[in-house]
């Protein structure tokens, strides 16, 4: 499945898709949100994560890991408060 296949919906039913190089997610509440994501990141393949109820982008996995590892090192050094 691809991002273009998702149907935007009002929150809280709106689809949630992970972003690259971040631990954030984009909610698709309207076509503008979806089209902006596609313009910035391409019409990438997505996979449903049943446990966390969001769409994951396998192509972003490496960048997200780098980001999360750096965030973990920062938290270990400076705390997470």
N, C-alpha and C. Protein backbone atom coordinates (compact mmCIF):
# COMPACT_ATOMS: atom_id res chain seq x y z
N UNK A 1 0.85 -1.17 0.00
CA UNK A 1 0.00 0.00 0.00
C UNK A 1 0.90 1.24 0.00
N UNK A 2 0.39 2.30 -0.56
CA UNK A 2 1.14 3.56 -0.64
C UNK A 2 0.36 4.67 0.06
N UNK A 3 1.08 5.74 0.39
CA UNK A 3 0.47 6.88 1.07
C UNK A 3 -0.73 7.40 0.29
N UNK A 4 -0.65 7.43 -1.02
CA UNK A 4 -1.75 7.95 -1.84
C UNK A 4 -3.03 7.12 -1.69
N UNK A 5 -2.92 5.90 -1.19
CA UNK A 5 -4.09 5.04 -0.99
C UNK A 5 -4.87 5.39 0.28
N UNK A 6 -4.25 6.14 1.20
CA UNK A 6 -4.93 6.48 2.45
C UNK A 6 -6.04 7.51 2.21
N UNK A 7 -7.08 7.40 3.01
CA UNK A 7 -8.18 8.35 2.96
C UNK A 7 -8.13 9.25 4.19
N UNK A 8 -7.94 10.56 4.01
CA UNK A 8 -7.93 11.46 5.16
C UNK A 8 -9.26 11.38 5.92
N UNK A 9 -9.21 11.65 7.21
CA UNK A 9 -10.41 11.64 8.05
C UNK A 9 -10.20 12.62 9.20
N UNK A 10 -11.30 13.02 9.81
CA UNK A 10 -11.22 13.90 10.96
C UNK A 10 -10.55 13.18 12.13
N UNK A 11 -9.83 13.94 12.95
CA UNK A 11 -9.22 13.39 14.16
C UNK A 11 -10.35 12.92 15.08
N UNK A 12 -10.27 11.83 15.73
CA UNK A 12 -9.15 10.93 15.96
C UNK A 12 -9.09 9.74 14.99
N UNK A 13 -9.92 9.71 13.97
CA UNK A 13 -9.89 8.60 13.01
C UNK A 13 -8.87 8.80 11.90
N UNK A 14 -8.20 9.94 11.87
CA UNK A 14 -7.27 10.23 10.77
C UNK A 14 -6.08 9.28 10.79
N UNK A 15 -5.65 8.84 9.60
CA UNK A 15 -4.48 7.96 9.53
C UNK A 15 -3.23 8.69 10.00
N UNK A 16 -2.36 7.97 10.66
CA UNK A 16 -1.12 8.50 11.20
C UNK A 16 0.05 7.80 10.51
N UNK A 17 0.95 8.58 9.90
CA UNK A 17 2.09 8.03 9.15
C UNK A 17 3.38 8.61 9.73
N UNK A 18 4.36 7.72 9.98
CA UNK A 18 5.62 8.18 10.57
C UNK A 18 6.40 9.06 9.59
N UNK A 19 7.19 9.96 10.17
CA UNK A 19 8.02 10.89 9.39
C UNK A 19 9.47 10.41 9.38
N UNK A 20 10.24 10.82 8.38
CA UNK A 20 11.66 10.42 8.34
C UNK A 20 12.49 11.22 9.34
N UNK A 21 13.59 10.63 9.81
CA UNK A 21 14.56 11.30 10.68
C UNK A 21 13.92 12.00 11.87
N UNK A 22 12.95 11.33 12.48
CA UNK A 22 12.19 11.91 13.58
C UNK A 22 11.46 10.78 14.29
N UNK A 23 10.87 11.11 15.43
CA UNK A 23 9.99 10.14 16.07
C UNK A 23 8.54 10.65 16.05
N UNK A 24 8.27 11.54 15.11
CA UNK A 24 6.96 12.15 14.97
C UNK A 24 6.13 11.46 13.89
N UNK A 25 4.84 11.79 13.87
CA UNK A 25 3.90 11.22 12.91
C UNK A 25 3.09 12.35 12.30
N UNK A 26 2.66 12.17 11.06
CA UNK A 26 1.80 13.13 10.38
C UNK A 26 0.40 12.57 10.35
N UNK A 27 -0.56 13.37 10.80
CA UNK A 27 -1.96 12.99 10.73
C UNK A 27 -2.53 13.51 9.42
N UNK A 28 -3.26 12.66 8.73
CA UNK A 28 -3.90 13.06 7.49
C UNK A 28 -5.36 13.37 7.76
N UNK A 29 -5.61 14.62 8.12
CA UNK A 29 -6.97 15.06 8.39
C UNK A 29 -7.65 15.62 7.15
N UNK A 30 -6.84 15.89 6.11
CA UNK A 30 -7.41 16.40 4.86
C UNK A 30 -6.44 16.11 3.71
N UNK A 31 -6.86 16.37 2.50
CA UNK A 31 -6.03 16.09 1.32
C UNK A 31 -4.78 16.96 1.29
N UNK A 32 -4.86 18.17 1.81
CA UNK A 32 -3.68 19.04 1.84
C UNK A 32 -2.57 18.39 2.65
N UNK A 33 -2.90 17.85 3.84
CA UNK A 33 -1.89 17.17 4.67
C UNK A 33 -1.26 16.00 3.92
N UNK A 34 -2.10 15.20 3.29
CA UNK A 34 -1.61 14.03 2.56
C UNK A 34 -0.75 14.45 1.37
N UNK A 35 -1.22 15.39 0.59
CA UNK A 35 -0.47 15.82 -0.59
C UNK A 35 0.85 16.50 -0.22
N UNK A 36 0.87 17.23 0.89
CA UNK A 36 2.12 17.86 1.35
C UNK A 36 3.13 16.79 1.76
N UNK A 37 2.67 15.74 2.41
CA UNK A 37 3.55 14.64 2.79
C UNK A 37 4.12 13.99 1.54
N UNK A 38 3.28 13.72 0.55
CA UNK A 38 3.73 13.07 -0.69
C UNK A 38 4.72 13.98 -1.42
N UNK A 39 4.47 15.26 -1.46
CA UNK A 39 5.37 16.19 -2.12
C UNK A 39 6.74 16.20 -1.45
N UNK A 40 6.76 16.15 -0.13
CA UNK A 40 8.02 16.20 0.61
C UNK A 40 8.76 14.87 0.66
N UNK A 41 8.02 13.75 0.67
CA UNK A 41 8.63 12.44 0.91
C UNK A 41 8.39 11.41 -0.18
N UNK A 42 7.57 11.73 -1.15
CA UNK A 42 7.23 10.78 -2.20
C UNK A 42 6.04 9.93 -1.81
N UNK A 43 5.52 9.22 -2.76
CA UNK A 43 4.39 8.32 -2.52
C UNK A 43 4.96 6.98 -2.06
N UNK A 44 5.46 6.98 -0.84
CA UNK A 44 6.20 5.83 -0.30
C UNK A 44 5.27 4.69 0.09
N UNK A 45 5.85 3.50 0.13
CA UNK A 45 5.13 2.32 0.59
C UNK A 45 4.95 2.41 2.11
N UNK A 46 3.78 1.98 2.58
CA UNK A 46 3.48 2.00 4.01
C UNK A 46 3.01 0.62 4.47
N UNK A 47 3.24 0.34 5.76
CA UNK A 47 2.86 -0.94 6.35
C UNK A 47 2.17 -0.64 7.68
N UNK A 48 1.04 -1.29 7.93
CA UNK A 48 0.27 -1.06 9.16
C UNK A 48 0.95 -1.73 10.34
N UNK A 49 1.10 -0.98 11.44
CA UNK A 49 1.62 -1.51 12.69
C UNK A 49 0.42 -1.70 13.62
N UNK A 50 -0.01 -2.93 13.78
CA UNK A 50 -1.21 -3.24 14.57
C UNK A 50 -1.02 -2.87 16.04
N UNK A 51 0.17 -3.09 16.57
CA UNK A 51 0.41 -2.83 18.00
C UNK A 51 0.22 -1.35 18.34
N UNK A 52 0.81 -0.47 17.51
CA UNK A 52 0.78 0.97 17.81
C UNK A 52 -0.26 1.74 17.00
N UNK A 53 -0.97 1.04 16.11
CA UNK A 53 -2.07 1.63 15.34
C UNK A 53 -1.64 2.84 14.52
N UNK A 54 -0.54 2.68 13.77
CA UNK A 54 -0.10 3.72 12.84
C UNK A 54 0.53 3.06 11.62
N UNK A 55 0.77 3.88 10.61
CA UNK A 55 1.40 3.40 9.38
C UNK A 55 2.89 3.66 9.46
N UNK A 56 3.68 2.63 9.18
CA UNK A 56 5.13 2.75 9.16
C UNK A 56 5.61 2.81 7.71
N UNK A 57 6.75 3.47 7.52
CA UNK A 57 7.35 3.60 6.20
C UNK A 57 8.70 2.87 6.24
N UNK A 58 8.77 1.66 5.68
CA UNK A 58 10.02 0.91 5.72
C UNK A 58 11.22 1.69 5.17
N UNK A 59 11.01 2.55 4.19
CA UNK A 59 12.11 3.34 3.62
C UNK A 59 12.69 4.33 4.62
N UNK A 60 11.95 4.67 5.67
CA UNK A 60 12.42 5.62 6.67
C UNK A 60 13.10 4.94 7.85
N UNK A 61 13.14 3.62 7.90
CA UNK A 61 13.61 2.88 9.07
C UNK A 61 15.03 3.27 9.47
N UNK A 62 15.94 3.34 8.53
CA UNK A 62 17.33 3.65 8.87
C UNK A 62 17.47 5.06 9.44
N UNK A 63 16.84 6.05 8.81
CA UNK A 63 16.89 7.42 9.30
C UNK A 63 16.26 7.58 10.67
N UNK A 64 15.16 6.88 10.90
CA UNK A 64 14.50 6.94 12.21
C UNK A 64 15.39 6.30 13.28
N UNK A 65 16.09 5.22 12.94
CA UNK A 65 16.97 4.56 13.90
C UNK A 65 18.12 5.50 14.28
N UNK A 66 18.72 6.16 13.31
CA UNK A 66 19.80 7.11 13.58
C UNK A 66 19.30 8.20 14.53
N UNK A 67 18.13 8.75 14.23
CA UNK A 67 17.55 9.80 15.07
C UNK A 67 17.29 9.29 16.49
N UNK A 68 16.64 8.14 16.61
CA UNK A 68 16.29 7.60 17.93
C UNK A 68 17.53 7.22 18.74
N UNK A 69 18.56 6.71 18.09
CA UNK A 69 19.81 6.40 18.79
C UNK A 69 20.45 7.67 19.33
N UNK A 70 20.47 8.73 18.52
CA UNK A 70 21.03 10.01 18.97
C UNK A 70 20.21 10.58 20.12
N UNK A 71 18.90 10.47 20.04
CA UNK A 71 18.04 10.96 21.12
C UNK A 71 18.29 10.17 22.40
N UNK A 72 18.46 8.85 22.28
CA UNK A 72 18.73 8.02 23.45
C UNK A 72 20.06 8.42 24.10
N UNK A 73 21.11 8.66 23.29
CA UNK A 73 22.40 9.08 23.84
C UNK A 73 22.26 10.41 24.58
N UNK A 74 21.51 11.34 24.01
CA UNK A 74 21.30 12.63 24.66
C UNK A 74 20.59 12.45 25.99
N UNK A 75 19.55 11.63 26.02
CA UNK A 75 18.79 11.40 27.25
C UNK A 75 19.67 10.75 28.32
N UNK A 76 20.53 9.82 27.91
CA UNK A 76 21.43 9.16 28.87
C UNK A 76 22.43 10.16 29.44
N UNK A 77 22.86 11.11 28.63
CA UNK A 77 23.84 12.09 29.08
C UNK A 77 23.21 13.22 29.89
N UNK A 78 22.05 13.69 29.45
CA UNK A 78 21.46 14.89 30.06
C UNK A 78 20.15 14.63 30.80
N UNK A 79 19.63 13.45 30.74
CA UNK A 79 18.33 13.16 31.34
C UNK A 79 17.21 13.45 30.37
N UNK A 80 16.03 13.03 30.73
CA UNK A 80 14.91 13.16 29.79
C UNK A 80 13.81 14.09 30.30
N UNK A 81 14.13 14.91 31.26
CA UNK A 81 13.10 15.82 31.78
C UNK A 81 13.00 17.06 30.98
